[in-house]
Amino acid sequence: KKIGHLGKNTLTYDCNNYLVVPTTLPLECETYATKEEPFIC
């Protein structure tokens, strides 16, 4: 899972939700991953 931050807005993208970025934008992202269960996208 990742949680993206854009200003005060947050977006979660994970196995149940995909993310669409229709333009050039910077997102500050928090990534949830472990060696046993890595983040893959």
PDB file of all heavy atoms in Angstrom:
ATOM      1  N   LYS A   1       0.834  -1.200   0.000  1.00  0.00           N
ATOM      2  CA  LYS A   1       0.000   0.000   0.000  1.00  0.00           C
ATOM      3  C   LYS A   1       0.866   1.246   0.000  1.00  0.00           C
ATOM      4  O   LYS A   1       1.956   1.276   0.563  1.00  0.00           O
ATOM      5  CB  LYS A   1      -0.900   0.004   1.245  1.00  0.00           C
ATOM      6  CG  LYS A   1      -1.789   1.226   1.398  1.00  0.00           C
ATOM      7  CD  LYS A   1      -2.720   1.102   2.598  1.00  0.00           C
ATOM      8  CE  LYS A   1      -1.979   1.274   3.910  1.00  0.00           C
ATOM      9  NZ  LYS A   1      -2.901   1.329   5.072  1.00  0.00           N
ATOM     10  N   LYS A   2       0.363   2.279  -0.682  1.00  0.00           N
ATOM     11  CA  LYS A   2       0.952   3.600  -0.598  1.00  0.00           C
ATOM     12  C   LYS A   2      -0.125   4.607  -0.224  1.00  0.00           C
ATOM     13  O   LYS A   2      -1.292   4.459  -0.610  1.00  0.00           O
ATOM     14  CB  LYS A   2       1.568   4.034  -1.942  1.00  0.00           C
ATOM     15  CG  LYS A   2       3.017   3.604  -2.170  1.00  0.00           C
ATOM     16  CD  LYS A   2       3.544   4.184  -3.469  1.00  0.00           C
ATOM     17  CE  LYS A   2       4.946   3.722  -3.775  1.00  0.00           C
ATOM     18  NZ  LYS A   2       5.960   4.398  -2.965  1.00  0.00           N
ATOM     19  N   ILE A   3       0.270   5.628   0.528  1.00  0.00           N
ATOM     20  CA  ILE A   3      -0.608   6.755   0.797  1.00  0.00           C
ATOM     21  C   ILE A   3       0.073   7.993   0.237  1.00  0.00           C
ATOM     22  O   ILE A   3       1.184   8.347   0.645  1.00  0.00           O
ATOM     23  CB  ILE A   3      -0.886   6.926   2.301  1.00  0.00           C
ATOM     24  CG1 ILE A   3      -1.621   5.696   2.839  1.00  0.00           C
ATOM     25  CG2 ILE A   3      -1.715   8.182   2.549  1.00  0.00           C
ATOM     26  CD1 ILE A   3      -1.904   5.760   4.327  1.00  0.00           C
ATOM     27  N   GLY A   4      -0.580   8.635  -0.738  1.00  0.00           N
ATOM     28  CA  GLY A   4      -0.027   9.825  -1.365  1.00  0.00           C
ATOM     29  C   GLY A   4      -0.576  11.081  -0.718  1.00  0.00           C
ATOM     30  O   GLY A   4      -1.764  11.158  -0.390  1.00  0.00           O
ATOM     31  N   HIS A   5       0.291  12.068  -0.531  1.00  0.00           N
ATOM     32  CA  HIS A   5      -0.100  13.337   0.079  1.00  0.00           C
ATOM     33  C   HIS A   5       0.118  14.461  -0.929  1.00  0.00           C
ATOM     34  O   HIS A   5       1.212  14.624  -1.472  1.00  0.00           O
ATOM     35  CB  HIS A   5       0.735  13.616   1.331  1.00  0.00           C
ATOM     36  CG  HIS A   5       0.631  12.550   2.380  1.00  0.00           C
ATOM     37  ND1 HIS A   5      -0.258  12.615   3.428  1.00  0.00           N
ATOM     38  CD2 HIS A   5       1.301  11.367   2.531  1.00  0.00           C
ATOM     39  CE1 HIS A   5      -0.133  11.537   4.191  1.00  0.00           C
ATOM     40  NE2 HIS A   5       0.803  10.759   3.663  1.00  0.00           N
ATOM     41  N   LEU A   6      -0.924  15.225  -1.188  1.00  0.00           N
ATOM     42  CA  LEU A   6      -0.840  16.398  -2.047  1.00  0.00           C
ATOM     43  C   LEU A   6      -1.500  17.537  -1.296  1.00  0.00           C
ATOM     44  O   LEU A   6      -2.719  17.628  -1.218  1.00  0.00           O
ATOM     45  CB  LEU A   6      -1.546  16.154  -3.384  1.00  0.00           C
ATOM     46  CG  LEU A   6      -1.430  17.271  -4.432  1.00  0.00           C
ATOM     47  CD1 LEU A   6       0.025  17.511  -4.813  1.00  0.00           C
ATOM     48  CD2 LEU A   6      -2.247  16.935  -5.672  1.00  0.00           C
ATOM     49  N   GLY A   7      -0.661  18.404  -0.709  1.00  0.00           N
ATOM     50  CA  GLY A   7      -1.196  19.413   0.189  1.00  0.00           C
ATOM     51  C   GLY A   7      -1.827  18.743   1.386  1.00  0.00           C
ATOM     52  O   GLY A   7      -1.232  17.861   2.009  1.00  0.00           O
ATOM     53  N   LYS A   8      -3.067  19.084   1.676  1.00  0.00           N
ATOM     54  CA  LYS A   8      -3.785  18.481   2.796  1.00  0.00           C
ATOM     55  C   LYS A   8      -4.595  17.262   2.373  1.00  0.00           C
ATOM     56  O   LYS A   8      -5.281  16.648   3.189  1.00  0.00           O
ATOM     57  CB  LYS A   8      -4.718  19.519   3.435  1.00  0.00           C
ATOM     58  CG  LYS A   8      -3.981  20.687   4.081  1.00  0.00           C
ATOM     59  CD  LYS A   8      -4.957  21.679   4.699  1.00  0.00           C
ATOM     60  CE  LYS A   8      -4.228  22.839   5.343  1.00  0.00           C
ATOM     61  NZ  LYS A   8      -5.162  23.835   5.943  1.00  0.00           N
ATOM     62  N   ASN A   9      -4.526  16.917   1.105  1.00  0.00           N
ATOM     63  CA  ASN A   9      -5.284  15.785   0.574  1.00  0.00           C
ATOM     64  C   ASN A   9      -4.470  14.492   0.634  1.00  0.00           C
ATOM     65  O   ASN A   9      -3.250  14.506   0.424  1.00  0.00           O
ATOM     66  CB  ASN A   9      -5.671  16.056  -0.886  1.00  0.00           C
ATOM     67  CG  ASN A   9      -6.507  17.304  -1.038  1.00  0.00           C
ATOM     68  OD1 ASN A   9      -7.703  17.300  -0.788  1.00  0.00           O
ATOM     69  ND2 ASN A   9      -5.864  18.397  -1.437  1.00  0.00           N
ATOM     70  N   THR A  10      -5.126  13.395   0.921  1.00  0.00           N
ATOM     71  CA  THR A  10      -4.468  12.084   0.931  1.00  0.00           C
ATOM     72  C   THR A  10      -5.229  11.122   0.027  1.00  0.00           C
ATOM     73  O   THR A  10      -6.459  11.179  -0.068  1.00  0.00           O
ATOM     74  CB  THR A  10      -4.409  11.483   2.350  1.00  0.00           C
ATOM     75  OG1 THR A  10      -5.739  11.328   2.852  1.00  0.00           O
ATOM     76  CG2 THR A  10      -3.604  12.377   3.280  1.00  0.00           C
ATOM     77  N   LEU A  11      -4.471  10.266  -0.658  1.00  0.00           N
ATOM     78  CA  LEU A  11      -5.069   9.246  -1.513  1.00  0.00           C
ATOM     79  C   LEU A  11      -4.401   7.916  -1.216  1.00  0.00           C
ATOM     80  O   LEU A  11      -3.169   7.833  -1.162  1.00  0.00           O
ATOM     81  CB  LEU A  11      -4.884   9.590  -2.988  1.00  0.00           C
ATOM     82  CG  LEU A  11      -5.518  10.891  -3.474  1.00  0.00           C
ATOM     83  CD1 LEU A  11      -4.433  11.939  -3.669  1.00  0.00           C
ATOM     84  CD2 LEU A  11      -6.270  10.672  -4.771  1.00  0.00           C
ATOM     85  N   THR A  12      -5.204   6.893  -1.021  1.00  0.00           N
ATOM     86  CA  THR A  12      -4.682   5.550  -0.776  1.00  0.00           C
ATOM     87  C   THR A  12      -4.774   4.740  -2.056  1.00  0.00           C
ATOM     88  O   THR A  12      -5.808   4.707  -2.710  1.00  0.00           O
ATOM     89  CB  THR A  12      -5.493   4.846   0.320  1.00  0.00           C
ATOM     90  OG1 THR A  12      -5.363   5.584   1.542  1.00  0.00           O
ATOM     91  CG2 THR A  12      -4.979   3.422   0.535  1.00  0.00           C
ATOM     92  N   TYR A  13      -3.660   4.124  -2.441  1.00  0.00           N
ATOM     93  CA  TYR A  13      -3.715   3.188  -3.556  1.00  0.00           C
ATOM     94  C   TYR A  13      -3.074   1.884  -3.117  1.00  0.00           C
ATOM     95  O   TYR A  13      -1.965   1.842  -2.627  1.00  0.00           O
ATOM     96  CB  TYR A  13      -3.109   3.744  -4.846  1.00  0.00           C
ATOM     97  CG  TYR A  13      -1.809   4.518  -4.766  1.00  0.00           C
ATOM     98  CD1 TYR A  13      -0.684   4.081  -5.455  1.00  0.00           C
ATOM     99  CD2 TYR A  13      -1.704   5.700  -4.050  1.00  0.00           C
ATOM    100  CE1 TYR A  13       0.503   4.789  -5.425  1.00  0.00           C
ATOM    101  CE2 TYR A  13      -0.529   6.419  -4.008  1.00  0.00           C
ATOM    102  CZ  TYR A  13       0.574   5.959  -4.697  1.00  0.00           C
ATOM    103  OH  TYR A  13       1.748   6.678  -4.659  1.00  0.00           O
ATOM    104  N   ASP A  14      -3.867   0.830  -3.286  1.00  0.00           N
ATOM    105  CA  ASP A  14      -3.495  -0.486  -2.784  1.00  0.00           C
ATOM    106  C   ASP A  14      -4.098  -1.544  -3.704  1.00  0.00           C
ATOM    107  O   ASP A  14      -4.431  -1.259  -4.850  1.00  0.00           O
ATOM    108  CB  ASP A  14      -3.960  -0.660  -1.335  1.00  0.00           C
ATOM    109  CG  ASP A  14      -5.445  -0.364  -1.154  1.00  0.00           C
ATOM    110  OD1 ASP A  14      -6.195  -0.399  -2.156  1.00  0.00           O
ATOM    111  OD2 ASP A  14      -5.871  -0.093  -0.013  1.00  0.00           O
ATOM    112  N   CYS A  15      -4.269  -2.745  -3.187  1.00  0.00           N
ATOM    113  CA  CYS A  15      -4.787  -3.845  -4.019  1.00  0.00           C
ATOM    114  C   CYS A  15      -6.256  -3.657  -4.407  1.00  0.00           C
ATOM    115  O   CYS A  15      -6.755  -4.354  -5.287  1.00  0.00           O
ATOM    116  CB  CYS A  15      -4.619  -5.170  -3.288  1.00  0.00           C
ATOM    117  SG  CYS A  15      -2.900  -5.578  -2.945  1.00  0.00           S
ATOM    118  N   ASN A  16      -6.928  -2.724  -3.747  1.00  0.00           N
ATOM    119  CA  ASN A  16      -8.343  -2.488  -4.042  1.00  0.00           C
ATOM    120  C   ASN A  16      -8.609  -1.159  -4.737  1.00  0.00           C
ATOM    121  O   ASN A  16      -9.729  -0.901  -5.175  1.00  0.00           O
ATOM    122  CB  ASN A  16      -9.163  -2.538  -2.742  1.00  0.00           C
ATOM    123  CG  ASN A  16      -9.072  -3.885  -2.053  1.00  0.00           C
ATOM    124  OD1 ASN A  16      -9.246  -4.916  -2.684  1.00  0.00           O
ATOM    125  ND2 ASN A  16      -8.776  -3.888  -0.765  1.00  0.00           N
ATOM    126  N   ASN A  17      -7.579  -0.324  -4.811  1.00  0.00           N
ATOM    127  CA  ASN A  17      -7.740   1.008  -5.387  1.00  0.00           C
ATOM    128  C   ASN A  17      -6.527   1.360  -6.233  1.00  0.00           C
ATOM    129  O   ASN A  17      -5.392   1.292  -5.756  1.00  0.00           O
ATOM    130  CB  ASN A  17      -7.892   2.060  -4.281  1.00  0.00           C
ATOM    131  CG  ASN A  17      -9.066   1.797  -3.364  1.00  0.00           C
ATOM    132  OD1 ASN A  17     -10.193   2.176  -3.652  1.00  0.00           O
ATOM    133  ND2 ASN A  17      -8.805   1.130  -2.239  1.00  0.00           N
ATOM    134  N   TYR A  18      -6.784   1.728  -7.479  1.00  0.00           N
ATOM    135  CA  TYR A  18      -5.685   2.160  -8.344  1.00  0.00           C
ATOM    136  C   TYR A  18      -5.595   3.686  -8.346  1.00  0.00           C
ATOM    137  O   TYR A  18      -6.526   4.391  -7.941  1.00  0.00           O
ATOM    138  CB  TYR A  18      -5.854   1.620  -9.758  1.00  0.00           C
ATOM    139  CG  TYR A  18      -7.128   2.008 -10.473  1.00  0.00           C
ATOM    140  CD1 TYR A  18      -7.228   3.204 -11.186  1.00  0.00           C
ATOM    141  CD2 TYR A  18      -8.245   1.165 -10.444  1.00  0.00           C
ATOM    142  CE1 TYR A  18      -8.406   3.551 -11.848  1.00  0.00           C
ATOM    143  CE2 TYR A  18      -9.421   1.510 -11.109  1.00  0.00           C
ATOM    144  CZ  TYR A  18      -9.494   2.701 -11.804  1.00  0.00           C
ATOM    145  OH  TYR A  18     -10.647   3.044 -12.454  1.00  0.00           O
ATOM    146  N   LEU A  19      -4.468   4.195  -8.798  1.00  0.00           N
ATOM    147  CA  LEU A  19      -4.224   5.635  -8.831  1.00  0.00           C
ATOM    148  C   LEU A  19      -4.058   6.081 -10.276  1.00  0.00           C
ATOM    149  O   LEU A  19      -3.372   5.423 -11.059  1.00  0.00           O
ATOM    150  CB  LEU A  19      -2.960   5.984  -8.038  1.00  0.00           C
ATOM    151  CG  LEU A  19      -2.670   7.485  -7.887  1.00  0.00           C
ATOM    152  CD1 LEU A  19      -3.535   8.075  -6.774  1.00  0.00           C
ATOM    153  CD2 LEU A  19      -1.190   7.723  -7.559  1.00  0.00           C
ATOM    154  N   VAL A  20      -4.684   7.211 -10.625  1.00  0.00           N
ATOM    155  CA  VAL A  20      -4.525   7.807 -11.946  1.00  0.00           C
ATOM    156  C   VAL A  20      -3.996   9.226 -11.770  1.00  0.00           C
ATOM    157  O   VAL A  20      -4.576  10.024 -11.024  1.00  0.00           O
ATOM    158  CB  VAL A  20      -5.851   7.844 -12.730  1.00  0.00           C
ATOM    159  CG1 VAL A  20      -5.640   8.486 -14.106  1.00  0.00           C
ATOM    160  CG2 VAL A  20      -6.420   6.435 -12.887  1.00  0.00           C
ATOM    161  N   VAL A  21      -2.896   9.529 -12.454  1.00  0.00           N
ATOM    162  CA  VAL A  21      -2.317  10.878 -12.436  1.00  0.00           C
ATOM    163  C   VAL A  21      -2.373  11.398 -13.867  1.00  0.00           C
ATOM    164  O   VAL A  21      -1.525  11.054 -14.687  1.00  0.00           O
ATOM    165  CB  VAL A  21      -0.869  10.874 -11.911  1.00  0.00           C
ATOM    166  CG1 VAL A  21      -0.392  12.310 -11.684  1.00  0.00           C
ATOM    167  CG2 VAL A  21      -0.759  10.078 -10.617  1.00  0.00           C
ATOM    168  N   PRO A  22      -3.374  12.231 -14.202  1.00  0.00           N
ATOM    169  CA  PRO A  22      -3.562  12.651 -15.588  1.00  0.00           C
ATOM    170  C   PRO A  22      -2.665  13.796 -16.024  1.00  0.00           C
ATOM    171  O   PRO A  22      -2.788  14.283 -17.141  1.00  0.00           O
ATOM    172  CB  PRO A  22      -5.035  13.094 -15.629  1.00  0.00           C
ATOM    173  CG  PRO A  22      -5.603  12.831 -14.276  1.00  0.00           C
ATOM    174  CD  PRO A  22      -4.452  12.700 -13.343  1.00  0.00           C
ATOM    175  N   THR A  23      -1.775  14.267 -15.150  1.00  0.00           N
ATOM    176  CA  THR A  23      -0.867  15.350 -15.492  1.00  0.00           C
ATOM    177  C   THR A  23       0.428  15.162 -14.712  1.00  0.00           C
ATOM    178  O   THR A  23       0.598  14.165 -14.020  1.00  0.00           O
ATOM    179  CB  THR A  23      -1.510  16.710 -15.162  1.00  0.00           C
ATOM    180  OG1 THR A  23      -0.643  17.764 -15.596  1.00  0.00           O
ATOM    181  CG2 THR A  23      -1.772  16.853 -13.671  1.00  0.00           C
ATOM    182  N   THR A  24       1.357  16.089 -14.821  1.00  0.00           N
ATOM    183  CA  THR A  24       2.613  16.003 -14.074  1.00  0.00           C
ATOM    184  C   THR A  24       2.394  16.550 -12.675  1.00  0.00           C
ATOM    185  O   THR A  24       2.066  17.726 -12.507  1.00  0.00           O
ATOM    186  CB  THR A  24       3.718  16.818 -14.780  1.00  0.00           C
ATOM    187  OG1 THR A  24       3.799  16.414 -16.140  1.00  0.00           O
ATOM    188  CG2 THR A  24       5.059  16.599 -14.101  1.00  0.00           C
ATOM    189  N   LEU A  25       2.573  15.698 -11.660  1.00  0.00           N
ATOM    190  CA  LEU A  25       2.332  16.128 -10.285  1.00  0.00           C
ATOM    191  C   LEU A  25       3.293  15.437  -9.318  1.00  0.00           C
ATOM    192  O   LEU A  25       3.605  14.257  -9.486  1.00  0.00           O
ATOM    193  CB  LEU A  25       0.904  15.792  -9.845  1.00  0.00           C
ATOM    194  CG  LEU A  25      -0.222  16.787 -10.146  1.00  0.00           C
ATOM    195  CD1 LEU A  25      -1.523  16.257  -9.555  1.00  0.00           C
ATOM    196  CD2 LEU A  25       0.074  18.161  -9.584  1.00  0.00           C
ATOM    197  N   PRO A  26       3.744  16.165  -8.291  1.00  0.00           N
ATOM    198  CA  PRO A  26       4.559  15.540  -7.240  1.00  0.00           C
ATOM    199  C   PRO A  26       3.679  15.066  -6.088  1.00  0.00           C
ATOM    200  O   PRO A  26       2.841  15.804  -5.580  1.00  0.00           O
ATOM    201  CB  PRO A  26       5.465  16.699  -6.789  1.00  0.00           C
ATOM    202  CG  PRO A  26       4.643  17.930  -7.023  1.00  0.00           C
ATOM    203  CD  PRO A  26       3.673  17.625  -8.145  1.00  0.00           C
ATOM    204  N   LEU A  27       3.853  13.816  -5.692  1.00  0.00           N
ATOM    205  CA  LEU A  27       3.140  13.282  -4.542  1.00  0.00           C
ATOM    206  C   LEU A  27       4.151  12.844  -3.493  1.00  0.00           C
ATOM    207  O   LEU A  27       5.124  12.155  -3.809  1.00  0.00           O
ATOM    208  CB  LEU A  27       2.290  12.078  -4.937  1.00  0.00           C
ATOM    209  CG  LEU A  27       0.936  12.296  -5.617  1.00  0.00           C
ATOM    210  CD1 LEU A  27       0.289  10.950  -5.886  1.00  0.00           C
ATOM    211  CD2 LEU A  27       0.029  13.159  -4.775  1.00  0.00           C
ATOM    212  N   GLU A  28       3.918  13.245  -2.257  1.00  0.00           N
ATOM    213  CA  GLU A  28       4.735  12.750  -1.156  1.00  0.00           C
ATOM    214  C   GLU A  28       4.091  11.459  -0.681  1.00  0.00           C
ATOM    215  O   GLU A  28       2.972  11.467  -0.167  1.00  0.00           O
ATOM    216  CB  GLU A  28       4.816  13.791  -0.042  1.00  0.00           C
ATOM    217  CG  GLU A  28       5.591  15.035  -0.463  1.00  0.00           C
ATOM    218  CD  GLU A  28       5.644  16.097   0.619  1.00  0.00           C
ATOM    219  OE1 GLU A  28       4.623  16.276   1.313  1.00  0.00           O
ATOM    220  OE2 GLU A  28       6.687  16.743   0.759  1.00  0.00           O
ATOM    221  N   CYS A  29       4.800  10.352  -0.859  1.00  0.00           N
ATOM    222  CA  CYS A  29       4.195   9.035  -0.680  1.00  0.00           C
ATOM    223  C   CYS A  29       4.776   8.283   0.509  1.00  0.00           C
ATOM    224  O   CYS A  29       5.996   8.212   0.682  1.00  0.00           O
ATOM    225  CB  CYS A  29       4.373   8.194  -1.944  1.00  0.00           C
ATOM    226  SG  CYS A  29       3.619   8.935  -3.401  1.00  0.00           S
ATOM    227  N   GLU A  30       3.891   7.711   1.301  1.00  0.00           N
ATOM    228  CA  GLU A  30       4.254   6.818   2.404  1.00  0.00           C
ATOM    229  C   GLU A  30       4.035   5.394   1.909  1.00  0.00           C
ATOM    230  O   GLU A  30       2.945   5.041   1.475  1.00  0.00           O
ATOM    231  CB  GLU A  30       3.381   7.125   3.612  1.00  0.00           C
ATOM    232  CG  GLU A  30       3.747   6.351   4.863  1.00  0.00           C
ATOM    233  CD  GLU A  30       2.872   6.754   6.049  1.00  0.00           C
ATOM    234  OE1 GLU A  30       1.939   7.565   5.860  1.00  0.00           O
ATOM    235  OE2 GLU A  30       3.128   6.244   7.157  1.00  0.00           O
ATOM    236  N   THR A  31       5.101   4.580   1.965  1.00  0.00           N
ATOM    237  CA  THR A  31       5.046   3.233   1.396  1.00  0.00           C
ATOM    238  C   THR A  31       5.043   2.189   2.507  1.00  0.00           C
ATOM    239  O   THR A  31       5.889   2.210   3.398  1.00  0.00           O
ATOM    240  CB  THR A  31       6.251   2.984   0.477  1.00  0.00           C
ATOM    241  OG1 THR A  31       6.315   4.009  -0.503  1.00  0.00           O
ATOM    242  CG2 THR A  31       6.133   1.634  -0.214  1.00  0.00           C
ATOM    243  N   TYR A  32       4.085   1.272   2.427  1.00  0.00           N
ATOM    244  CA  TYR A  32       3.991   0.186   3.406  1.00  0.00           C
ATOM    245  C   TYR A  32       4.515  -1.098   2.753  1.00  0.00           C
ATOM    246  O   TYR A  32       3.926  -1.605   1.795  1.00  0.00           O
ATOM    247  CB  TYR A  32       2.545   0.010   3.854  1.00  0.00           C
ATOM    248  CG  TYR A  32       2.037   1.164   4.680  1.00  0.00           C
ATOM    249  CD1 TYR A  32       1.569   2.318   4.063  1.00  0.00           C
ATOM    250  CD2 TYR A  32       2.060   1.119   6.072  1.00  0.00           C
ATOM    251  CE1 TYR A  32       1.118   3.399   4.817  1.00  0.00           C
ATOM    252  CE2 TYR A  32       1.607   2.179   6.829  1.00  0.00           C
ATOM    253  CZ  TYR A  32       1.139   3.324   6.201  1.00  0.00           C
ATOM    254  OH  TYR A  32       0.701   4.385   6.949  1.00  0.00           O
ATOM    255  N   ALA A  33       5.635  -1.592   3.260  1.00  0.00           N
ATOM    256  CA  ALA A  33       6.262  -2.782   2.685  1.00  0.00           C
ATOM    257  C   ALA A  33       7.190  -3.426   3.709  1.00  0.00           C
ATOM    258  O   ALA A  33       7.703  -2.769   4.613  1.00  0.00           O
ATOM    259  CB  ALA A  33       7.056  -2.408   1.432  1.00  0.00           C
ATOM    260  N   THR A  34       7.396  -4.737   3.562  1.00  0.00           N
ATOM    261  CA  THR A  34       8.361  -5.480   4.372  1.00  0.00           C
ATOM    262  C   THR A  34       9.101  -6.448   3.451  1.00  0.00           C
ATOM    263  O   THR A  34       8.689  -6.679   2.314  1.00  0.00           O
ATOM    264  CB  THR A  34       7.659  -6.281   5.488  1.00  0.00           C
ATOM    265  OG1 THR A  34       6.804  -7.267   4.876  1.00  0.00           O
ATOM    266  CG2 THR A  34       6.835  -5.372   6.390  1.00  0.00           C
ATOM    267  N   LYS A  35      10.171  -7.030   3.952  1.00  0.00           N
ATOM    268  CA  LYS A  35      10.898  -8.029   3.164  1.00  0.00           C
ATOM    269  C   LYS A  35      10.023  -9.251   2.898  1.00  0.00           C
ATOM    270  O   LYS A  35      10.120  -9.876   1.842  1.00  0.00           O
ATOM    271  CB  LYS A  35      12.176  -8.450   3.897  1.00  0.00           C
ATOM    272  CG  LYS A  35      13.256  -7.390   3.892  1.00  0.00           C
ATOM    273  CD  LYS A  35      14.543  -7.896   4.508  1.00  0.00           C
ATOM    274  CE  LYS A  35      15.637  -6.841   4.425  1.00  0.00           C
ATOM    275  NZ  LYS A  35      16.914  -7.323   5.016  1.00  0.00           N
ATOM    276  N   GLU A  36       9.176  -9.580   3.876  1.00  0.00           N
ATOM    277  CA  GLU A  36       8.286 -10.736   3.715  1.00  0.00           C
ATOM    278  C   GLU A  36       7.142 -10.428   2.744  1.00  0.00           C
ATOM    279  O   GLU A  36       6.669 -11.305   2.023  1.00  0.00           O
ATOM    280  CB  GLU A  36       7.700 -11.144   5.070  1.00  0.00           C
ATOM    281  CG  GLU A  36       8.714 -11.670   6.075  1.00  0.00           C
ATOM    282  CD  GLU A  36       9.596 -10.568   6.645  1.00  0.00           C
ATOM    283  OE1 GLU A  36       9.138  -9.414   6.705  1.00  0.00           O
ATOM    284  OE2 GLU A  36      10.757 -10.875   7.014  1.00  0.00           O
ATOM    285  N   GLU A  37       6.709  -9.174   2.727  1.00  0.00           N
ATOM    286  CA  GLU A  37       5.607  -8.766   1.845  1.00  0.00           C
ATOM    287  C   GLU A  37       5.938  -7.414   1.219  1.00  0.00           C
ATOM    288  O   GLU A  37       5.470  -6.360   1.658  1.00  0.00           O
ATOM    289  CB  GLU A  37       4.299  -8.680   2.637  1.00  0.00           C
ATOM    290  CG  GLU A  37       3.065  -8.566   1.742  1.00  0.00           C
ATOM    291  CD  GLU A  37       1.770  -8.727   2.511  1.00  0.00           C
ATOM    292  OE1 GLU A  37       1.611  -9.739   3.218  1.00  0.00           O
ATOM    293  OE2 GLU A  37       0.926  -7.825   2.419  1.00  0.00           O
ATOM    294  N   PRO A  38       6.787  -7.423   0.183  1.00  0.00           N
ATOM    295  CA  PRO A  38       7.202  -6.160  -0.448  1.00  0.00           C
ATOM    296  C   PRO A  38       6.068  -5.452  -1.170  1.00  0.00           C
ATOM    297  O   PRO A  38       5.064  -6.074  -1.528  1.00  0.00           O
ATOM    298  CB  PRO A  38       8.286  -6.607  -1.439  1.00  0.00           C
ATOM    299  CG  PRO A  38       7.977  -8.036  -1.716  1.00  0.00           C
ATOM    300  CD  PRO A  38       7.397  -8.591  -0.463  1.00  0.00           C
ATOM    301  N   PHE A  39       6.254  -4.155  -1.352  1.00  0.00           N
ATOM    302  CA  PHE A  39       5.320  -3.383  -2.173  1.00  0.00           C
ATOM    303  C   PHE A  39       5.673  -3.622  -3.634  1.00  0.00           C
ATOM    304  O   PHE A  39       6.809  -3.473  -4.049  1.00  0.00           O
ATOM    305  CB  PHE A  39       5.432  -1.887  -1.845  1.00  0.00           C
ATOM    306  CG  PHE A  39       4.592  -1.011  -2.742  1.00  0.00           C
ATOM    307  CD1 PHE A  39       3.261  -0.772  -2.440  1.00  0.00           C
ATOM    308  CD2 PHE A  39       5.123  -0.434  -3.885  1.00  0.00           C
ATOM    309  CE1 PHE A  39       2.470   0.023  -3.257  1.00  0.00           C
ATOM    310  CE2 PHE A  39       4.351   0.373  -4.706  1.00  0.00           C
ATOM    311  CZ  PHE A  39       3.021   0.602  -4.393  1.00  0.00           C
ATOM    312  N   ILE A  40       4.668  -4.000  -4.437  1.00  0.00           N
ATOM    313  CA  ILE A  40       4.870  -4.254  -5.864  1.00  0.00           C
ATOM    314  C   ILE A  40       3.759  -3.557  -6.646  1.00  0.00           C
ATOM    315  O   ILE A  40       2.583  -3.651  -6.280  1.00  0.00           O
ATOM    316  CB  ILE A  40       4.833  -5.760  -6.192  1.00  0.00           C
ATOM    317  CG1 ILE A  40       5.877  -6.526  -5.375  1.00  0.00           C
ATOM    318  CG2 ILE A  40       5.065  -5.994  -7.678  1.00  0.00           C
ATOM    319  CD1 ILE A  40       5.777  -8.042  -5.518  1.00  0.00           C
ATOM    320  N   CYS A  41       4.134  -2.850  -7.696  1.00  0.00           N
ATOM    321  CA  CYS A  41       3.114  -2.201  -8.512  1.00  0.00           C
ATOM    322  C   CYS A  41       3.522  -2.182  -9.976  1.00  0.00           C
ATOM    323  O   CYS A  41       4.684  -2.363 -10.327  1.00  0.00           O
ATOM    324  CB  CYS A  41       2.830  -0.777  -8.024  1.00  0.00           C
ATOM    325  SG  CYS A  41       4.131   0.414  -8.419  1.00  0.00           S
TER     326      CYS A  41
END
